[in-house]
Amino acid sequence: MWETELNQCFKQRKLSKQKSFMLSAVGDAGATLAEVEKSPTLLARAQFRQRPYPHYIKYMGSKSKIMDFVLSGINEVYEGGPLCDLFGGSASLAGAVGDQVAVHSNDIQCYSAVLARAYLTSWRAESSPTSASIIAQAKVIVETSRQSLDCLHDYAAPVSLEKFNGVEREQQALLDRNFSHPWHLFLKYYSGTWWSAEQALWIDAIREVADRYKDDPCYDVILSSLMFAIAYASQGTGHYAQYRDANTESSMRDISIYRKRSVAQLFAKKYDSVLSDLQTEPAIYPHKVTTLDFRACLAECSGGTVYADPPYAFVHYSRFYHALETLVLYDYPDIQEKKGVVVKGRYREDRHQSPFCIRSLVKGAFEELFRGVRESGSNLVLSYSNTGMISLDDLGDLATREFSGRSVEIVFTDYKHMTLGRQFDRHREVEECLILVK
């Protein structure tokens, strides 16, 4: 139904490749960069350019690889005011344009807020710690804590598959141990899963040291750099839905590669890199970072432009990134159980369930999203794909009904979506689209 009305309701364009930000921003395949630079009209439409920004975590559905495409859509509808990223996720939009506009980065997950602040409001003061200082303090904690453990293992030493799995089980059993010293969350919850007990010791120690710098403008960079370290030390596939078991000699060797990675070195490398490029004074824009439900966030919006990138699939992001949430909150959460047994993924019992991931709720969620944008008086850029929980036909019908009388446009691009799986479909061909409302 919507397809038959497409020519009346939408100005449809097919953009297969974005070769430069300027050209994608003006949306004119016939324009050269030189023509763009000479044209005040075209320049007026090219508001935002992607700046270089550090990468912190592995994230499914991240828009970092198609950021120019996203910005081209934002430039089409932006008419001033703040830019609200409604589902911030890995906060890549904040990273891309936080130096050019006041950004309101929102996500119901707290780890997203930390990443957003690392991009938007962090700066380097004279008092900001070096990585060497942080690691030295953490080392003292690690050396003290490890004395009470008898399940640490040298993963560089060759062992049989049976012995290897025995060590893994011993470390996993720390979940049932009571610890007398504080800051033992990762050691207790995650040893022998995505990380070894040794790695968990370091994660806890660096997290403890981080909180000694809560008042430092680099605090969120410290936490974000630790997120980077745990992502690249993890033996999993890039998320934390389930860790891998050593079922074969080959998988044992592969897991051992990650077990041997140093959390301290990964942290220091990322932190040093970010710190050296960080500005030395506070941001000039009045940025805002919140952890609200999307409806509550829209109720706080007034004018400006909303960028919405809701989940596309039936899997909840809280299942894949619960470990990041726990790292940030450090709250020793209750762990989900089934029939009295802790689930393998060790998920938080209170993890968020998004209506955009539930087929019976997704239509209503989009209606609330569109209504909230309309009532806030904002323009909208919505990212979605042809593999989502609702068809593009139905999504188009909703948009045209909720935004009756306003300009609505759809733009497509072909995109490889990262699934973070290790086999078969690590990348899936999808058709990404932007719905633009002005």
Protein backbone atom coordinates (compact mmCIF):
# COMPACT_ATOMS: atom_id res chain seq x y z
CA MET A 1 0.00 0.00 0.00
CA TRP A 2 2.71 2.43 1.01
CA GLU A 3 4.78 1.54 -2.08
CA THR A 4 1.95 2.71 -4.37
CA GLU A 5 1.89 6.08 -2.60
CA LEU A 6 5.66 6.39 -2.45
CA ASN A 7 6.01 8.90 -5.27
CA GLN A 8 3.45 11.18 -3.63
CA CYS A 9 4.66 10.85 -0.05
CA PHE A 10 8.42 10.50 -0.45
CA LYS A 11 11.20 11.73 -2.62
CA GLN A 12 13.07 8.43 -2.93
CA ARG A 13 16.75 8.28 -3.79
CA LYS A 14 19.20 5.42 -4.00
CA LEU A 15 22.64 6.22 -2.57
CA SER A 16 24.96 3.25 -2.92
CA LYS A 17 28.21 4.84 -1.81
CA GLN A 18 29.14 7.97 0.12
CA LYS A 19 32.52 9.00 -1.32
CA SER A 20 32.90 12.25 0.56
CA PHE A 21 31.03 13.94 3.32
CA MET A 22 30.41 17.11 1.37
CA LEU A 23 28.91 15.31 -1.60
CA SER A 24 26.75 13.06 0.56
CA ALA A 25 25.61 16.04 2.59
CA VAL A 26 24.24 17.95 -0.36
CA GLY A 27 22.73 14.82 -1.85
CA ASP A 28 23.55 15.94 -5.38
CA ALA A 29 25.33 13.27 -7.41
CA GLY A 30 26.16 15.83 -10.08
CA ALA A 31 27.93 18.27 -7.77
CA THR A 32 31.69 18.27 -7.45
CA LEU A 33 33.49 19.25 -4.28
CA ALA A 34 34.69 22.43 -5.99
CA GLU A 35 31.09 23.34 -6.87
CA VAL A 36 30.03 22.69 -3.31
CA GLU A 37 32.74 24.97 -1.98
CA LYS A 38 31.66 27.80 -4.32
CA SER A 39 27.94 27.51 -3.67
CA PRO A 40 26.54 29.34 -0.60
CA THR A 41 23.27 27.43 -1.02
CA LEU A 42 24.94 24.04 -0.94
CA LEU A 43 27.25 25.03 1.86
CA ALA A 44 24.28 26.14 3.94
CA ARG A 45 22.96 22.59 3.78
CA ALA A 46 26.27 20.95 4.73
CA GLN A 47 26.11 21.71 8.43
CA PHE A 48 28.05 18.90 10.05
CA ARG A 49 31.24 17.10 9.12
CA GLN A 50 32.48 13.96 10.76
CA ARG A 51 35.50 14.64 12.96
CA PRO A 52 37.99 11.91 13.89
CA TYR A 53 36.96 10.34 17.19
CA PRO A 54 38.28 7.39 19.22
CA HIS A 55 36.70 3.95 19.03
CA TYR A 56 35.96 2.36 22.40
CA ILE A 57 33.76 -0.73 22.09
CA LYS A 58 32.64 -3.35 19.61
CA TYR A 59 28.98 -2.64 18.95
CA MET A 60 26.40 -4.34 16.78
CA GLY A 61 24.61 -2.01 14.43
CA SER A 62 27.09 0.81 15.02
CA LYS A 63 26.63 3.62 12.54
CA SER A 64 30.31 4.57 12.60
CA LYS A 65 30.94 3.00 9.19
CA ILE A 66 28.04 4.87 7.57
CA MET A 67 28.30 8.06 9.61
CA ASP A 68 28.60 10.20 6.50
CA PHE A 69 25.31 8.75 5.27
CA VAL A 70 23.66 9.52 8.61
CA LEU A 71 25.06 13.05 8.64
CA SER A 72 23.85 13.63 5.10
CA GLY A 73 20.33 12.95 6.34
CA ILE A 74 20.74 15.17 9.39
CA ASN A 75 22.05 17.99 7.19
CA GLU A 76 18.91 17.69 5.04
CA VAL A 77 16.55 18.48 7.92
CA TYR A 78 18.61 20.39 10.48
CA GLU A 79 17.36 23.94 11.01
CA GLY A 80 19.11 24.89 14.22
CA GLY A 81 18.85 23.97 17.88
CA PRO A 82 20.23 20.93 19.68
CA LEU A 83 20.77 17.54 18.10
CA CYS A 84 19.18 14.75 20.15
CA ASP A 85 20.53 11.22 19.71
CA LEU A 86 17.55 9.32 21.11
CA PHE A 87 19.15 5.85 21.21
CA GLY A 88 22.79 6.73 21.76
CA GLY A 89 24.23 3.20 21.95
CA SER A 90 27.96 3.49 21.42
CA ALA A 91 27.56 7.30 21.19
CA SER A 92 29.18 7.46 17.75
CA LEU A 93 27.07 10.47 16.74
CA ALA A 94 28.32 12.37 19.77
CA GLY A 95 31.84 11.38 18.80
CA ALA A 96 31.35 12.54 15.23
CA VAL A 97 29.82 16.00 15.74
CA GLY A 98 30.21 16.93 19.40
CA ASP A 99 32.57 19.74 18.46
CA GLN A 100 30.00 21.38 16.15
CA VAL A 101 26.61 21.42 17.89
CA ALA A 102 24.94 21.02 21.27
CA VAL A 103 24.23 17.28 21.52
CA HIS A 104 21.66 15.63 23.77
CA SER A 105 22.83 12.02 23.91
CA ASN A 106 20.30 9.65 25.44
CA ASP A 107 20.13 5.92 26.00
CA ILE A 108 18.45 3.91 28.73
CA GLN A 109 21.74 2.04 29.27
CA CYS A 110 24.24 3.75 31.58
CA TYR A 111 27.35 2.63 29.71
CA SER A 112 26.15 4.71 26.75
CA ALA A 113 26.10 7.79 28.95
CA VAL A 114 29.72 7.19 29.96
CA LEU A 115 30.77 6.91 26.31
CA ALA A 116 28.79 10.03 25.41
CA ARG A 117 30.42 12.07 28.17
CA ALA A 118 33.84 10.79 27.09
CA TYR A 119 33.13 12.31 23.67
CA LEU A 120 31.21 15.41 24.69
CA THR A 121 32.28 16.77 28.07
CA SER A 122 35.62 15.19 28.98
CA TRP A 123 38.79 17.27 28.90
CA ARG A 124 42.33 16.99 30.17
CA ALA A 125 43.27 18.96 33.27
CA GLU A 126 46.69 19.29 34.88
CA SER A 127 45.45 16.99 37.63
CA SER A 128 44.27 14.26 35.23
CA PRO A 129 46.11 10.99 35.91
CA THR A 130 48.45 9.27 33.51
CA SER A 131 47.96 5.66 32.54
CA ALA A 132 51.19 4.82 34.39
CA SER A 133 49.75 6.24 37.60
CA ILE A 134 46.47 4.35 37.20
CA ILE A 135 48.22 1.06 36.41
CA ALA A 136 50.67 1.46 39.32
CA GLN A 137 47.80 1.91 41.75
CA ALA A 138 45.90 -1.00 40.23
CA LYS A 139 48.94 -3.27 40.44
CA VAL A 140 49.10 -2.84 44.20
CA ILE A 141 45.47 -3.94 44.46
CA VAL A 142 46.01 -6.91 42.14
CA GLU A 143 49.07 -8.18 43.99
CA THR A 144 47.21 -8.05 47.29
CA SER A 145 44.04 -9.69 45.98
CA ARG A 146 45.70 -12.52 44.08
CA GLN A 147 47.26 -13.96 47.24
CA SER A 148 43.90 -15.47 48.22
CA LEU A 149 43.37 -17.22 44.87
CA ASP A 150 44.51 -20.71 43.95
CA CYS A 151 42.84 -20.92 40.53
CA LEU A 152 45.07 -18.57 38.52
CA HIS A 153 46.56 -20.16 35.43
CA ASP A 154 49.48 -19.49 33.10
CA TYR A 155 47.79 -19.61 29.70
CA ALA A 156 51.14 -19.51 27.94
CA ALA A 157 51.98 -22.96 29.30
CA PRO A 158 50.69 -25.88 27.20
CA VAL A 159 48.12 -28.10 28.97
CA SER A 160 45.68 -30.79 27.95
CA LEU A 161 42.12 -29.92 27.00
CA GLU A 162 40.92 -31.68 30.14
CA LYS A 163 43.25 -29.66 32.37
CA PHE A 164 42.30 -26.42 30.62
CA ASN A 165 38.59 -26.98 31.20
CA GLY A 166 39.28 -27.93 34.79
CA VAL A 167 40.90 -24.54 35.37
CA GLU A 168 37.97 -22.81 33.64
CA ARG A 169 35.49 -24.56 35.93
CA GLU A 170 37.50 -23.64 39.03
CA GLN A 171 37.45 -20.00 38.01
CA GLN A 172 33.74 -20.05 37.15
CA ALA A 173 33.07 -21.46 40.64
CA LEU A 174 34.23 -18.17 42.18
CA LEU A 175 30.64 -17.04 41.62
CA ASP A 176 29.80 -19.06 44.76
CA ARG A 177 32.63 -17.67 46.89
CA ASN A 178 32.27 -14.90 49.43
CA PHE A 179 34.98 -12.25 49.28
CA SER A 180 36.05 -10.08 52.19
CA HIS A 181 37.68 -7.33 50.15
CA PRO A 182 35.65 -4.77 48.21
CA TRP A 183 35.79 -4.31 44.45
CA HIS A 184 35.63 -7.98 43.50
CA LEU A 185 32.62 -7.92 41.14
CA PHE A 186 34.29 -9.13 37.94
CA LEU A 187 36.41 -11.67 39.81
CA LYS A 188 33.30 -13.19 41.38
CA TYR A 189 30.86 -12.90 38.46
CA TYR A 190 32.97 -13.41 35.36
CA SER A 191 36.14 -15.38 36.09
CA GLY A 192 36.55 -18.21 33.60
CA THR A 193 33.85 -16.86 31.32
CA TRP A 194 34.72 -14.03 28.93
CA TRP A 195 37.81 -13.27 31.01
CA SER A 196 40.24 -15.24 33.12
CA ALA A 197 40.47 -14.69 36.86
CA GLU A 198 43.72 -12.79 36.30
CA GLN A 199 42.04 -10.47 33.81
CA ALA A 200 39.07 -10.03 36.15
CA LEU A 201 41.45 -9.02 38.94
CA TRP A 202 42.81 -6.24 36.75
CA ILE A 203 39.37 -5.11 35.62
CA ASP A 204 38.24 -4.77 39.24
CA ALA A 205 41.45 -3.01 40.24
CA ILE A 206 41.37 -0.44 37.43
CA ARG A 207 37.66 0.13 38.10
CA GLU A 208 38.47 0.79 41.77
CA VAL A 209 41.23 3.23 40.86
CA ALA A 210 38.93 4.97 38.36
CA ASP A 211 36.56 5.98 41.14
CA ARG A 212 39.40 7.78 42.87
CA TYR A 213 39.13 10.25 39.98
CA LYS A 214 35.37 10.74 39.94
CA ASP A 215 35.80 14.50 40.09
CA ASP A 216 38.38 14.62 37.32
CA PRO A 217 37.19 15.73 33.85
CA CYS A 218 38.84 12.57 32.47
CA TYR A 219 36.78 10.17 34.60
CA ASP A 220 34.57 9.01 31.73
CA VAL A 221 37.59 8.56 29.47
CA ILE A 222 39.09 6.26 32.11
CA LEU A 223 35.92 4.17 32.22
CA SER A 224 35.57 4.17 28.43
CA SER A 225 39.18 3.05 28.03
CA LEU A 226 38.47 0.21 30.46
CA MET A 227 35.46 -0.75 28.32
CA PHE A 228 37.85 -0.92 25.38
CA ALA A 229 40.22 -3.16 27.33
CA ILE A 230 37.55 -5.64 28.37
CA ALA A 231 36.15 -5.75 24.82
CA TYR A 232 39.50 -6.66 23.29
CA ALA A 233 40.54 -9.04 26.06
CA SER A 234 37.26 -10.93 25.90
CA GLN A 235 37.33 -14.47 24.48
CA GLY A 236 33.83 -13.95 23.08
CA THR A 237 32.69 -12.71 19.71
CA GLY A 238 32.57 -9.04 20.63
CA HIS A 239 29.46 -9.10 22.78
CA TYR A 240 28.55 -10.77 26.06
CA ALA A 241 25.54 -12.94 25.24
CA GLN A 242 27.41 -16.17 25.94
CA TYR A 243 31.07 -17.01 26.33
CA ARG A 244 32.71 -19.77 24.32
CA ASP A 245 33.54 -23.20 25.67
CA ALA A 246 36.77 -25.06 24.90
CA ASN A 247 35.18 -28.06 23.22
CA THR A 248 38.16 -28.84 20.98
CA GLU A 249 41.92 -28.37 20.94
CA SER A 250 41.44 -25.65 18.36
CA SER A 251 38.92 -23.68 20.42
CA MET A 252 41.14 -24.06 23.49
CA ARG A 253 44.06 -22.50 21.62
CA ASP A 254 41.86 -19.70 20.34
CA ILE A 255 40.49 -18.93 23.80
CA SER A 256 44.03 -18.98 25.20
CA ILE A 257 45.03 -16.22 22.80
CA TYR A 258 42.54 -13.89 24.47
CA ARG A 259 43.29 -15.15 27.96
CA LYS A 260 46.90 -14.05 27.49
CA ARG A 261 45.95 -10.49 26.58
CA SER A 262 46.82 -7.89 29.20
CA VAL A 263 43.90 -5.76 30.40
CA ALA A 264 46.39 -3.26 31.78
CA GLN A 265 48.23 -2.88 28.47
CA LEU A 266 45.03 -2.58 26.45
CA PHE A 267 43.72 0.03 28.86
CA ALA A 268 46.93 2.04 28.86
CA LYS A 269 47.24 2.04 25.08
CA LYS A 270 43.71 3.37 24.59
CA TYR A 271 43.83 5.85 27.46
CA ASP A 272 47.18 7.31 26.38
CA SER A 273 45.95 7.69 22.81
CA VAL A 274 42.76 9.50 23.83
CA LEU A 275 44.42 11.63 26.50
CA SER A 276 47.02 12.97 24.09
CA ASP A 277 44.32 14.27 21.74
CA LEU A 278 41.89 15.52 24.36
CA GLN A 279 41.17 19.23 24.58
CA THR A 280 42.51 21.07 27.60
CA GLU A 281 39.42 23.07 28.47
CA PRO A 282 35.70 22.36 28.83
CA ALA A 283 33.43 22.03 25.81
CA ILE A 284 31.93 25.24 24.44
CA TYR A 285 28.54 23.66 23.70
CA PRO A 286 25.89 22.97 26.37
CA HIS A 287 25.81 19.21 25.87
CA LYS A 288 23.35 17.03 27.73
CA VAL A 289 23.58 13.32 28.56
CA THR A 290 20.62 11.34 29.92
CA THR A 291 19.63 7.72 30.60
CA LEU A 292 15.90 7.98 29.95
CA ASP A 293 13.27 5.88 28.26
CA PHE A 294 12.83 7.29 24.75
CA ARG A 295 9.37 8.65 25.62
CA ALA A 296 10.67 10.54 28.65
CA CYS A 297 13.57 11.90 26.61
CA LEU A 298 11.26 13.20 23.87
CA ALA A 299 9.16 14.91 26.52
CA GLU A 300 12.27 16.94 27.40
CA CYS A 301 12.95 17.92 23.78
CA SER A 302 11.84 21.23 22.33
CA GLY A 303 12.74 21.96 18.74
CA GLY A 304 16.01 20.99 17.16
CA THR A 305 16.54 17.67 15.41
CA VAL A 306 16.07 14.14 16.75
CA TYR A 307 18.16 11.28 15.40
CA ALA A 308 16.56 7.94 16.22
CA ASP A 309 18.35 4.63 15.68
CA PRO A 310 16.17 2.11 17.55
CA PRO A 311 16.96 -1.62 17.66
CA TYR A 312 16.03 -3.51 14.48
CA ALA A 313 15.97 -7.12 15.67
CA PHE A 314 14.22 -9.31 18.24
CA VAL A 315 17.37 -9.58 20.37
CA HIS A 316 17.71 -7.04 23.18
CA TYR A 317 20.92 -5.03 23.36
CA SER A 318 20.90 -5.46 27.14
CA ARG A 319 21.57 -9.16 26.54
CA PHE A 320 24.66 -8.43 24.50
CA TYR A 321 26.15 -5.60 26.59
CA HIS A 322 25.10 -6.39 30.15
CA ALA A 323 28.76 -6.69 31.19
CA LEU A 324 29.39 -3.08 30.17
CA GLU A 325 26.36 -1.97 32.18
CA THR A 326 27.63 -3.89 35.20
CA LEU A 327 31.13 -2.45 34.80
CA VAL A 328 29.76 1.09 34.88
CA LEU A 329 27.19 0.60 37.63
CA TYR A 330 29.39 -1.80 39.61
CA ASP A 331 26.36 -2.76 41.66
CA TYR A 332 26.68 -6.54 42.16
CA PRO A 333 23.35 -7.22 40.43
CA ASP A 334 21.15 -10.28 40.79
CA ILE A 335 21.91 -12.70 37.97
CA GLN A 336 19.19 -14.28 35.90
CA GLU A 337 18.37 -17.89 36.72
CA LYS A 338 16.30 -20.59 35.03
CA LYS A 339 14.96 -23.40 37.19
CA GLY A 340 17.32 -22.36 39.97
CA VAL A 341 20.43 -22.42 37.77
CA VAL A 342 22.40 -19.33 36.76
CA VAL A 343 22.09 -18.86 32.99
CA LYS A 344 25.30 -19.21 31.03
CA GLY A 345 25.21 -15.60 29.87
CA ARG A 346 25.15 -14.40 33.49
CA TYR A 347 22.72 -11.65 32.52
CA ARG A 348 21.51 -9.01 34.91
CA GLU A 349 18.07 -9.86 36.25
CA ASP A 350 16.98 -6.25 35.71
CA ARG A 351 18.19 -5.89 32.11
CA HIS A 352 16.12 -3.61 29.88
CA GLN A 353 13.60 -5.05 27.41
CA SER A 354 12.99 -2.74 24.45
CA PRO A 355 9.54 -2.60 22.81
CA PHE A 356 11.32 -2.15 19.48
CA CYS A 357 12.56 -5.74 19.84
CA ILE A 358 9.11 -7.23 20.49
CA ARG A 359 6.98 -7.82 17.40
CA SER A 360 3.69 -7.25 19.20
CA LEU A 361 4.91 -3.92 20.60
CA VAL A 362 7.06 -2.44 17.84
CA LYS A 363 4.27 -0.68 15.93
CA GLY A 364 3.02 1.03 19.06
CA ALA A 365 6.58 2.01 19.99
CA PHE A 366 7.06 3.75 16.64
CA GLU A 367 3.71 5.51 17.00
CA GLU A 368 4.86 6.85 20.37
CA LEU A 369 8.21 7.84 18.92
CA PHE A 370 6.66 9.74 16.00
CA ARG A 371 4.10 11.37 18.27
CA GLY A 372 6.78 12.47 20.72
CA VAL A 373 8.87 14.01 17.95
CA ARG A 374 5.82 15.80 16.53
CA GLU A 375 4.75 17.18 19.91
CA SER A 376 8.29 18.39 20.64
CA GLY A 377 8.32 20.44 17.45
CA SER A 378 11.49 18.71 16.31
CA ASN A 379 12.66 17.47 12.94
CA LEU A 380 13.48 13.78 12.65
CA VAL A 381 16.06 11.50 11.09
CA LEU A 382 15.16 7.85 11.66
CA SER A 383 17.54 4.99 10.82
CA TYR A 384 16.02 1.64 9.96
CA SER A 385 16.55 -1.27 7.59
CA ASN A 386 14.70 -3.76 5.42
CA THR A 387 15.53 -6.47 7.97
CA GLY A 388 13.77 -4.79 10.89
CA MET A 389 10.94 -5.91 13.15
CA ILE A 390 8.46 -3.86 11.14
CA SER A 391 8.31 -3.60 7.36
CA LEU A 392 9.32 -0.40 5.64
CA ASP A 393 5.82 -0.29 4.12
CA ASP A 394 4.21 -0.22 7.57
CA LEU A 395 6.81 2.19 8.90
CA GLY A 396 6.12 4.52 5.98
CA ASP A 397 2.37 4.38 6.61
CA LEU A 398 2.93 5.33 10.24
CA ALA A 399 5.25 8.21 9.34
CA THR A 400 2.91 9.71 6.74
CA ARG A 401 -0.03 9.51 9.14
CA GLU A 402 1.74 10.93 12.18
CA PHE A 403 3.50 13.69 10.23
CA SER A 404 0.63 14.72 7.99
CA GLY A 405 1.34 18.10 6.44
CA ARG A 406 5.10 17.89 6.96
CA SER A 407 7.83 17.04 4.48
CA VAL A 408 8.75 13.34 4.63
CA GLU A 409 11.57 11.79 2.62
CA ILE A 410 13.25 8.41 2.48
CA VAL A 411 16.86 7.73 1.51
CA PHE A 412 18.42 4.30 0.98
CA THR A 413 21.94 2.95 0.99
CA ASP A 414 23.39 -0.56 0.82
CA TYR A 415 25.30 -1.52 3.93
CA LYS A 416 27.04 -4.52 5.48
CA HIS A 417 25.62 -4.91 8.97
CA MET A 418 28.05 -6.34 11.54
CA THR A 419 26.47 -9.19 13.52
CA LEU A 420 29.61 -9.91 15.58
CA GLY A 421 29.23 -13.62 14.90
CA ARG A 422 32.33 -15.66 14.20
CA GLN A 423 30.90 -17.85 11.47
CA PHE A 424 28.75 -17.74 8.36
CA ASP A 425 27.05 -14.36 8.72
CA ARG A 426 29.49 -12.08 10.52
CA HIS A 427 28.32 -9.43 8.06
CA ARG A 428 24.87 -9.31 6.52
CA GLU A 429 23.87 -7.34 3.46
CA VAL A 430 21.10 -4.96 4.47
CA GLU A 431 19.46 -1.97 2.89
CA GLU A 432 19.73 0.84 5.37
CA CYS A 433 17.32 3.72 5.08
CA LEU A 434 16.81 7.13 6.62
CA ILE A 435 13.33 8.59 7.04
CA LEU A 436 13.67 12.36 7.07
CA VAL A 437 10.91 14.54 8.53
CA LYS A 438 11.08 18.32 8.31
